[in-house]
Amino acid sequence: MHGRTVDEWQNTPTFLNDFIVPEDQEMYARNYRHHVAGLRHPITFRFRGLRKDGSTFAAETDMIPLCWHGHPVAYHFVREIS
């Protein structure tokens, strides 16, 4: 299984553009490719999130890989950090 690139994520209805600042989108997609698509182990990493008003915030996620209907997916537990 291969993971999604930034371009493929951007084709997913607005996920990266709505939730991740542009500068962190490649890192977010890379973490998905390397950890979720291979169904390896959970990973925790930090990124900058976007609010609906366009402001940003420091965030951390626990990305937990699993297989659903034969497709790699991930649960994300996101929390704001300071």
PDB file of N, CA and C in Angstrom:
ATOM      1  N   MET A   1       0.827  -1.179   0.000  1.00  0.00           N
ATOM      2  CA  MET A   1       0.000   0.000   0.000  1.00  0.00           C
ATOM      3  C   MET A   1       0.871   1.242   0.000  1.00  0.00           C
ATOM      4  N   HIS A   2       0.480   2.212  -0.754  1.00  0.00           N
ATOM      5  CA  HIS A   2       1.217   3.469  -0.704  1.00  0.00           C
ATOM      6  C   HIS A   2       0.373   4.495   0.019  1.00  0.00           C
ATOM      7  N   GLY A   3       1.039   5.498   0.532  1.00  0.00           N
ATOM      8  CA  GLY A   3       0.323   6.545   1.240  1.00  0.00           C
ATOM      9  C   GLY A   3      -0.044   7.681   0.313  1.00  0.00           C
ATOM     10  N   ARG A   4      -0.767   8.600   0.836  1.00  0.00           N
ATOM     11  CA  ARG A   4      -1.209   9.742   0.054  1.00  0.00           C
ATOM     12  C   ARG A   4      -0.160  10.833   0.033  1.00  0.00           C
ATOM     13  N   THR A   5      -0.036  11.478  -1.110  1.00  0.00           N
ATOM     14  CA  THR A   5       0.821  12.646  -1.236  1.00  0.00           C
ATOM     15  C   THR A   5      -0.012  13.873  -0.881  1.00  0.00           C
ATOM     16  N   VAL A   6       0.643  15.028  -0.789  1.00  0.00           N
ATOM     17  CA  VAL A   6      -0.087  16.263  -0.516  1.00  0.00           C
ATOM     18  C   VAL A   6      -1.154  16.473  -1.585  1.00  0.00           C
ATOM     19  N   ASP A   7      -0.813  16.234  -2.863  1.00  0.00           N
ATOM     20  CA  ASP A   7      -1.798  16.421  -3.932  1.00  0.00           C
ATOM     21  C   ASP A   7      -3.007  15.519  -3.733  1.00  0.00           C
ATOM     22  N   GLU A   8      -2.781  14.266  -3.347  1.00  0.00           N
ATOM     23  CA  GLU A   8      -3.905  13.353  -3.119  1.00  0.00           C
ATOM     24  C   GLU A   8      -4.727  13.792  -1.908  1.00  0.00           C
ATOM     25  N   TRP A   9      -4.054  14.250  -0.844  1.00  0.00           N
ATOM     26  CA  TRP A   9      -4.783  14.755   0.322  1.00  0.00           C
ATOM     27  C   TRP A   9      -5.623  15.949  -0.076  1.00  0.00           C
ATOM     28  N   GLN A  10      -5.081  16.801  -0.939  1.00  0.00           N
ATOM     29  CA  GLN A  10      -5.819  17.997  -1.325  1.00  0.00           C
ATOM     30  C   GLN A  10      -7.044  17.651  -2.150  1.00  0.00           C
ATOM     31  N   ASN A  11      -7.066  16.464  -2.750  1.00  0.00           N
ATOM     32  CA  ASN A  11      -8.254  16.009  -3.463  1.00  0.00           C
ATOM     33  C   ASN A  11      -9.291  15.426  -2.510  1.00  0.00           C
ATOM     34  N   THR A  12      -8.894  15.178  -1.259  1.00  0.00           N
ATOM     35  CA  THR A  12      -9.836  14.742  -0.236  1.00  0.00           C
ATOM     36  C   THR A  12     -10.571  15.998   0.206  1.00  0.00           C
ATOM     37  N   PRO A  13     -11.867  15.965   0.205  1.00  0.00           N
ATOM     38  CA  PRO A  13     -12.620  17.206   0.430  1.00  0.00           C
ATOM     39  C   PRO A  13     -12.081  18.101   1.540  1.00  0.00           C
ATOM     40  N   THR A  14     -11.291  19.053   1.170  1.00  0.00           N
ATOM     41  CA  THR A  14     -10.809  20.185   1.957  1.00  0.00           C
ATOM     42  C   THR A  14     -10.037  19.863   3.228  1.00  0.00           C
ATOM     43  N   PHE A  15      -9.657  18.616   3.483  1.00  0.00           N
ATOM     44  CA  PHE A  15      -9.023  18.283   4.760  1.00  0.00           C
ATOM     45  C   PHE A  15      -7.764  19.109   5.031  1.00  0.00           C
ATOM     46  N   LEU A  16      -6.740  18.976   4.186  1.00  0.00           N
ATOM     47  CA  LEU A  16      -5.498  19.705   4.453  1.00  0.00           C
ATOM     48  C   LEU A  16      -5.720  21.208   4.437  1.00  0.00           C
ATOM     49  N   ASN A  17      -6.430  21.696   3.454  1.00  0.00           N
ATOM     50  CA  ASN A  17      -6.627  23.141   3.354  1.00  0.00           C
ATOM     51  C   ASN A  17      -7.436  23.708   4.506  1.00  0.00           C
ATOM     52  N   ASP A  18      -8.349  22.931   5.049  1.00  0.00           N
ATOM     53  CA  ASP A  18      -9.190  23.426   6.145  1.00  0.00           C
ATOM     54  C   ASP A  18      -8.535  23.313   7.511  1.00  0.00           C
ATOM     55  N   PHE A  19      -7.636  22.358   7.692  1.00  0.00           N
ATOM     56  CA  PHE A  19      -7.153  22.068   9.042  1.00  0.00           C
ATOM     57  C   PHE A  19      -5.653  22.248   9.269  1.00  0.00           C
ATOM     58  N   ILE A  20      -4.856  22.283   8.204  1.00  0.00           N
ATOM     59  CA  ILE A  20      -3.401  22.335   8.373  1.00  0.00           C
ATOM     60  C   ILE A  20      -2.844  23.536   7.608  1.00  0.00           C
ATOM     61  N   VAL A  21      -1.947  24.309   8.244  1.00  0.00           N
ATOM     62  CA  VAL A  21      -1.351  25.445   7.541  1.00  0.00           C
ATOM     63  C   VAL A  21      -0.548  24.923   6.352  1.00  0.00           C
ATOM     64  N   PRO A  22      -0.457  25.696   5.269  1.00  0.00           N
ATOM     65  CA  PRO A  22       0.224  25.229   4.061  1.00  0.00           C
ATOM     66  C   PRO A  22       1.649  24.739   4.302  1.00  0.00           C
ATOM     67  N   GLU A  23       2.390  25.418   5.167  1.00  0.00           N
ATOM     68  CA  GLU A  23       3.784  25.034   5.410  1.00  0.00           C
ATOM     69  C   GLU A  23       3.913  23.668   6.083  1.00  0.00           C
ATOM     70  N   ASP A  24       2.877  23.161   6.740  1.00  0.00           N
ATOM     71  CA  ASP A  24       2.945  21.876   7.443  1.00  0.00           C
ATOM     72  C   ASP A  24       2.238  20.745   6.705  1.00  0.00           C
ATOM     73  N   GLN A  25       1.644  21.033   5.553  1.00  0.00           N
ATOM     74  CA  GLN A  25       0.882  20.015   4.842  1.00  0.00           C
ATOM     75  C   GLN A  25       1.750  18.859   4.347  1.00  0.00           C
ATOM     76  N   GLU A  26       2.932  19.143   3.827  1.00  0.00           N
ATOM     77  CA  GLU A  26       3.814  18.072   3.347  1.00  0.00           C
ATOM     78  C   GLU A  26       4.221  17.151   4.496  1.00  0.00           C
ATOM     79  N   MET A  27       4.583  17.737   5.647  1.00  0.00           N
ATOM     80  CA  MET A  27       4.963  16.934   6.812  1.00  0.00           C
ATOM     81  C   MET A  27       3.798  16.061   7.259  1.00  0.00           C
ATOM     82  N   TYR A  28       2.592  16.619   7.247  1.00  0.00           N
ATOM     83  CA  TYR A  28       1.409  15.870   7.672  1.00  0.00           C
ATOM     84  C   TYR A  28       1.177  14.679   6.729  1.00  0.00           C
ATOM     85  N   ALA A  29       1.236  14.937   5.438  1.00  0.00           N
ATOM     86  CA  ALA A  29       1.041  13.871   4.446  1.00  0.00           C
ATOM     87  C   ALA A  29       2.155  12.825   4.545  1.00  0.00           C
ATOM     88  N   ARG A  30       3.392  13.264   4.771  1.00  0.00           N
ATOM     89  CA  ARG A  30       4.522  12.331   4.911  1.00  0.00           C
ATOM     90  C   ARG A  30       4.325  11.416   6.121  1.00  0.00           C
ATOM     91  N   ASN A  31       3.881  11.974   7.244  1.00  0.00           N
ATOM     92  CA  ASN A  31       3.623  11.134   8.413  1.00  0.00           C
ATOM     93  C   ASN A  31       2.536  10.107   8.119  1.00  0.00           C
ATOM     94  N   TYR A  32       1.520  10.506   7.391  1.00  0.00           N
ATOM     95  CA  TYR A  32       0.475   9.552   7.005  1.00  0.00           C
ATOM     96  C   TYR A  32       1.065   8.442   6.139  1.00  0.00           C
ATOM     97  N   ARG A  33       1.810   8.838   5.106  1.00  0.00           N
ATOM     98  CA  ARG A  33       2.413   7.849   4.192  1.00  0.00           C
ATOM     99  C   ARG A  33       3.265   6.840   4.932  1.00  0.00           C
ATOM    100  N   HIS A  34       4.118   7.309   5.814  1.00  0.00           N
ATOM    101  CA  HIS A  34       5.094   6.434   6.462  1.00  0.00           C
ATOM    102  C   HIS A  34       4.541   5.625   7.619  1.00  0.00           C
ATOM    103  N   HIS A  35       3.500   6.096   8.246  1.00  0.00           N
ATOM    104  CA  HIS A  35       3.026   5.425   9.456  1.00  0.00           C
ATOM    105  C   HIS A  35       1.652   4.800   9.327  1.00  0.00           C
ATOM    106  N   VAL A  36       0.770   5.416   8.582  1.00  0.00           N
ATOM    107  CA  VAL A  36      -0.578   4.889   8.478  1.00  0.00           C
ATOM    108  C   VAL A  36      -0.713   3.955   7.290  1.00  0.00           C
ATOM    109  N   ALA A  37      -0.254   4.369   6.123  1.00  0.00           N
ATOM    110  CA  ALA A  37      -0.424   3.545   4.929  1.00  0.00           C
ATOM    111  C   ALA A  37       0.253   2.194   5.103  1.00  0.00           C
ATOM    112  N   GLY A  38       1.346   2.144   5.840  1.00  0.00           N
ATOM    113  CA  GLY A  38       2.012   0.877   6.120  1.00  0.00           C
ATOM    114  C   GLY A  38       1.424   0.169   7.336  1.00  0.00           C
ATOM    115  N   LEU A  39       0.410   0.766   7.945  1.00  0.00           N
ATOM    116  CA  LEU A  39      -0.240   0.239   9.150  1.00  0.00           C
ATOM    117  C   LEU A  39       0.786  -0.161  10.200  1.00  0.00           C
ATOM    118  N   ARG A  40       1.735   0.731  10.419  1.00  0.00           N
ATOM    119  CA  ARG A  40       2.759   0.474  11.413  1.00  0.00           C
ATOM    120  C   ARG A  40       2.214   0.764  12.800  1.00  0.00           C
ATOM    121  N   HIS A  41       2.708   1.731  13.452  1.00  0.00           N
ATOM    122  CA  HIS A  41       2.350   2.010  14.841  1.00  0.00           C
ATOM    123  C   HIS A  41       1.820   3.431  14.972  1.00  0.00           C
ATOM    124  N   PRO A  42       1.122   3.719  16.052  1.00  0.00           N
ATOM    125  CA  PRO A  42       0.662   5.103  16.267  1.00  0.00           C
ATOM    126  C   PRO A  42       1.844   6.060  16.328  1.00  0.00           C
ATOM    127  N   ILE A  43       1.606   7.275  15.935  1.00  0.00           N
ATOM    128  CA  ILE A  43       2.644   8.304  15.981  1.00  0.00           C
ATOM    129  C   ILE A  43       2.028   9.582  16.530  1.00  0.00           C
ATOM    130  N   THR A  44       2.813  10.304  17.292  1.00  0.00           N
ATOM    131  CA  THR A  44       2.402  11.610  17.798  1.00  0.00           C
ATOM    132  C   THR A  44       3.322  12.640  17.169  1.00  0.00           C
ATOM    133  N   PHE A  45       2.746  13.699  16.627  1.00  0.00           N
ATOM    134  CA  PHE A  45       3.566  14.764  16.073  1.00  0.00           C
ATOM    135  C   PHE A  45       2.823  16.088  16.188  1.00  0.00           C
ATOM    136  N   ARG A  46       3.572  17.171  15.983  1.00  0.00           N
ATOM    137  CA  ARG A  46       3.029  18.525  16.113  1.00  0.00           C
ATOM    138  C   ARG A  46       2.908  19.183  14.747  1.00  0.00           C
ATOM    139  N   PHE A  47       1.936  20.062  14.637  1.00  0.00           N
ATOM    140  CA  PHE A  47       1.723  20.821  13.414  1.00  0.00           C
ATOM    141  C   PHE A  47       0.974  22.089  13.802  1.00  0.00           C
ATOM    142  N   ARG A  48       0.780  22.973  12.840  1.00  0.00           N
ATOM    143  CA  ARG A  48       0.009  24.187  13.082  1.00  0.00           C
ATOM    144  C   ARG A  48      -1.349  24.037  12.428  1.00  0.00           C
ATOM    145  N   GLY A  49      -2.387  24.186  13.230  1.00  0.00           N
ATOM    146  CA  GLY A  49      -3.751  24.036  12.738  1.00  0.00           C
ATOM    147  C   GLY A  49      -4.341  25.367  12.318  1.00  0.00           C
ATOM    148  N   LEU A  50      -5.423  25.270  11.551  1.00  0.00           N
ATOM    149  CA  LEU A  50      -6.151  26.448  11.093  1.00  0.00           C
ATOM    150  C   LEU A  50      -7.541  26.480  11.717  1.00  0.00           C
ATOM    151  N   ARG A  51      -7.914  27.635  12.227  1.00  0.00           N
ATOM    152  CA  ARG A  51      -9.280  27.832  12.709  1.00  0.00           C
ATOM    153  C   ARG A  51     -10.144  28.362  11.568  1.00  0.00           C
ATOM    154  N   LYS A  52     -11.456  28.303  11.741  1.00  0.00           N
ATOM    155  CA  LYS A  52     -12.372  28.796  10.713  1.00  0.00           C
ATOM    156  C   LYS A  52     -12.147  30.271  10.392  1.00  0.00           C
ATOM    157  N   ASP A  53     -11.698  31.041  11.388  1.00  0.00           N
ATOM    158  CA  ASP A  53     -11.466  32.471  11.154  1.00  0.00           C
ATOM    159  C   ASP A  53     -10.121  32.752  10.493  1.00  0.00           C
ATOM    160  N   GLY A  54      -9.351  31.696  10.182  1.00  0.00           N
ATOM    161  CA  GLY A  54      -8.061  31.859   9.517  1.00  0.00           C
ATOM    162  C   GLY A  54      -6.883  31.962  10.461  1.00  0.00           C
ATOM    163  N   SER A  55      -7.122  32.104  11.756  1.00  0.00           N
ATOM    164  CA  SER A  55      -6.019  32.154  12.706  1.00  0.00           C
ATOM    165  C   SER A  55      -5.422  30.753  12.861  1.00  0.00           C
ATOM    166  N   THR A  56      -4.198  30.701  13.344  1.00  0.00           N
ATOM    167  CA  THR A  56      -3.507  29.419  13.493  1.00  0.00           C
ATOM    168  C   THR A  56      -3.294  29.105  14.971  1.00  0.00           C
ATOM    169  N   PHE A  57      -3.015  27.855  15.249  1.00  0.00           N
ATOM    170  CA  PHE A  57      -2.719  27.432  16.611  1.00  0.00           C
ATOM    171  C   PHE A  57      -1.778  26.236  16.576  1.00  0.00           C
ATOM    172  N   ALA A  58      -0.978  26.096  17.620  1.00  0.00           N
ATOM    173  CA  ALA A  58      -0.087  24.950  17.745  1.00  0.00           C
ATOM    174  C   ALA A  58      -0.919  23.750  18.173  1.00  0.00           C
ATOM    175  N   ALA A  59      -0.730  22.632  17.485  1.00  0.00           N
ATOM    176  CA  ALA A  59      -1.517  21.437  17.764  1.00  0.00           C
ATOM    177  C   ALA A  59      -0.627  20.211  17.795  1.00  0.00           C
ATOM    178  N   GLU A  60      -1.139  19.182  18.399  1.00  0.00           N
ATOM    179  CA  GLU A  60      -0.459  17.891  18.441  1.00  0.00           C
ATOM    180  C   GLU A  60      -1.515  16.834  18.136  1.00  0.00           C
ATOM    181  N   THR A  61      -1.131  15.802  17.402  1.00  0.00           N
ATOM    182  CA  THR A  61      -2.067  14.737  17.088  1.00  0.00           C
ATOM    183  C   THR A  61      -1.477  13.381  17.422  1.00  0.00           C
ATOM    184  N   ASP A  62      -2.341  12.485  17.809  1.00  0.00           N
ATOM    185  CA  ASP A  62      -2.006  11.072  17.886  1.00  0.00           C
ATOM    186  C   ASP A  62      -2.669  10.458  16.671  1.00  0.00           C
ATOM    187  N   MET A  63      -1.861   9.996  15.725  1.00  0.00           N
ATOM    188  CA  MET A  63      -2.361   9.395  14.498  1.00  0.00           C
ATOM    189  C   MET A  63      -2.292   7.884  14.686  1.00  0.00           C
ATOM    190  N   ILE A  64      -3.450   7.240  14.716  1.00  0.00           N
ATOM    191  CA  ILE A  64      -3.517   5.809  15.013  1.00  0.00           C
ATOM    192  C   ILE A  64      -3.986   5.062  13.764  1.00  0.00           C
ATOM    193  N   PRO A  65      -3.097   4.262  13.161  1.00  0.00           N
ATOM    194  CA  PRO A  65      -3.446   3.577  11.914  1.00  0.00           C
ATOM    195  C   PRO A  65      -4.357   2.379  12.133  1.00  0.00           C
ATOM    196  N   LEU A  66      -5.240   2.161  11.175  1.00  0.00           N
ATOM    197  CA  LEU A  66      -6.061   0.960  11.166  1.00  0.00           C
ATOM    198  C   LEU A  66      -6.529   0.709   9.737  1.00  0.00           C
ATOM    199  N   CYS A  67      -7.084  -0.457   9.519  1.00  0.00           N
ATOM    200  CA  CYS A  67      -7.586  -0.830   8.208  1.00  0.00           C
ATOM    201  C   CYS A  67      -9.112  -0.852   8.274  1.00  0.00           C
ATOM    202  N   TRP A  68      -9.769  -0.189   7.322  1.00  0.00           N
ATOM    203  CA  TRP A  68     -11.228  -0.142   7.276  1.00  0.00           C
ATOM    204  C   TRP A  68     -11.662  -0.485   5.862  1.00  0.00           C
ATOM    205  N   HIS A  69     -12.404  -1.558   5.722  1.00  0.00           N
ATOM    206  CA  HIS A  69     -12.860  -2.033   4.410  1.00  0.00           C
ATOM    207  C   HIS A  69     -11.688  -2.175   3.438  1.00  0.00           C
ATOM    208  N   GLY A  70     -10.567  -2.650   3.950  1.00  0.00           N
ATOM    209  CA  GLY A  70      -9.394  -2.875   3.108  1.00  0.00           C
ATOM    210  C   GLY A  70      -8.579  -1.641   2.779  1.00  0.00           C
ATOM    211  N   HIS A  71      -8.907  -0.497   3.379  1.00  0.00           N
ATOM    212  CA  HIS A  71      -8.189   0.750   3.101  1.00  0.00           C
ATOM    213  C   HIS A  71      -7.517   1.264   4.367  1.00  0.00           C
ATOM    214  N   PRO A  72      -6.299   1.772   4.229  1.00  0.00           N
ATOM    215  CA  PRO A  72      -5.647   2.363   5.406  1.00  0.00           C
ATOM    216  C   PRO A  72      -6.303   3.685   5.764  1.00  0.00           C
ATOM    217  N   VAL A  73      -6.630   3.838   7.020  1.00  0.00           N
ATOM    218  CA  VAL A  73      -7.209   5.074   7.541  1.00  0.00           C
ATOM    219  C   VAL A  73      -6.539   5.372   8.879  1.00  0.00           C
ATOM    220  N   ALA A  74      -6.865   6.497   9.459  1.00  0.00           N
ATOM    221  CA  ALA A  74      -6.285   6.836  10.759  1.00  0.00           C
ATOM    222  C   ALA A  74      -7.281   7.596  11.602  1.00  0.00           C
ATOM    223  N   TYR A  75      -7.303   7.255  12.872  1.00  0.00           N
ATOM    224  CA  TYR A  75      -7.986   8.087  13.861  1.00  0.00           C
ATOM    225  C   TYR A  75      -7.001   9.170  14.240  1.00  0.00           C
ATOM    226  N   HIS A  76      -7.501  10.386  14.427  1.00  0.00           N
ATOM    227  CA  HIS A  76      -6.670  11.491  14.862  1.00  0.00           C
ATOM    228  C   HIS A  76      -7.273  12.077  16.121  1.00  0.00           C
ATOM    229  N   PHE A  77      -6.480  12.131  17.146  1.00  0.00           N
ATOM    230  CA  PHE A  77      -6.859  12.820  18.365  1.00  0.00           C
ATOM    231  C   PHE A  77      -6.028  14.086  18.404  1.00  0.00           C
ATOM    232  N   VAL A  78      -6.654  15.213  18.131  1.00  0.00           N
ATOM    233  CA  VAL A  78      -5.942  16.480  18.006  1.00  0.00           C
ATOM    234  C   VAL A  78      -6.220  17.335  19.227  1.00  0.00           C
ATOM    235  N   ARG A  79      -5.175  17.947  19.734  1.00  0.00           N
ATOM    236  CA  ARG A  79      -5.328  18.850  20.870  1.00  0.00           C
ATOM    237  C   ARG A  79      -4.473  20.099  20.651  1.00  0.00           C
ATOM    238  N   GLU A  80      -4.986  21.211  21.127  1.00  0.00           N
ATOM    239  CA  GLU A  80      -4.238  22.454  21.066  1.00  0.00           C
ATOM    240  C   GLU A  80      -3.162  22.416  22.142  1.00  0.00           C
ATOM    241  N   ILE A  81      -1.984  22.878  21.794  1.00  0.00           N
ATOM    242  CA  ILE A  81      -0.882  22.948  22.758  1.00  0.00           C
ATOM    243  C   ILE A  81      -0.382  24.391  22.814  1.00  0.00           C
ATOM    244  N   SER A  82       0.344  24.697  23.861  1.00  0.00           N
ATOM    245  CA  SER A  82       0.883  26.067  23.952  1.00  0.00           C
ATOM    246  C   SER A  82       2.376  26.033  24.086  1.00  0.00           C
TER     247      SER A  82
END
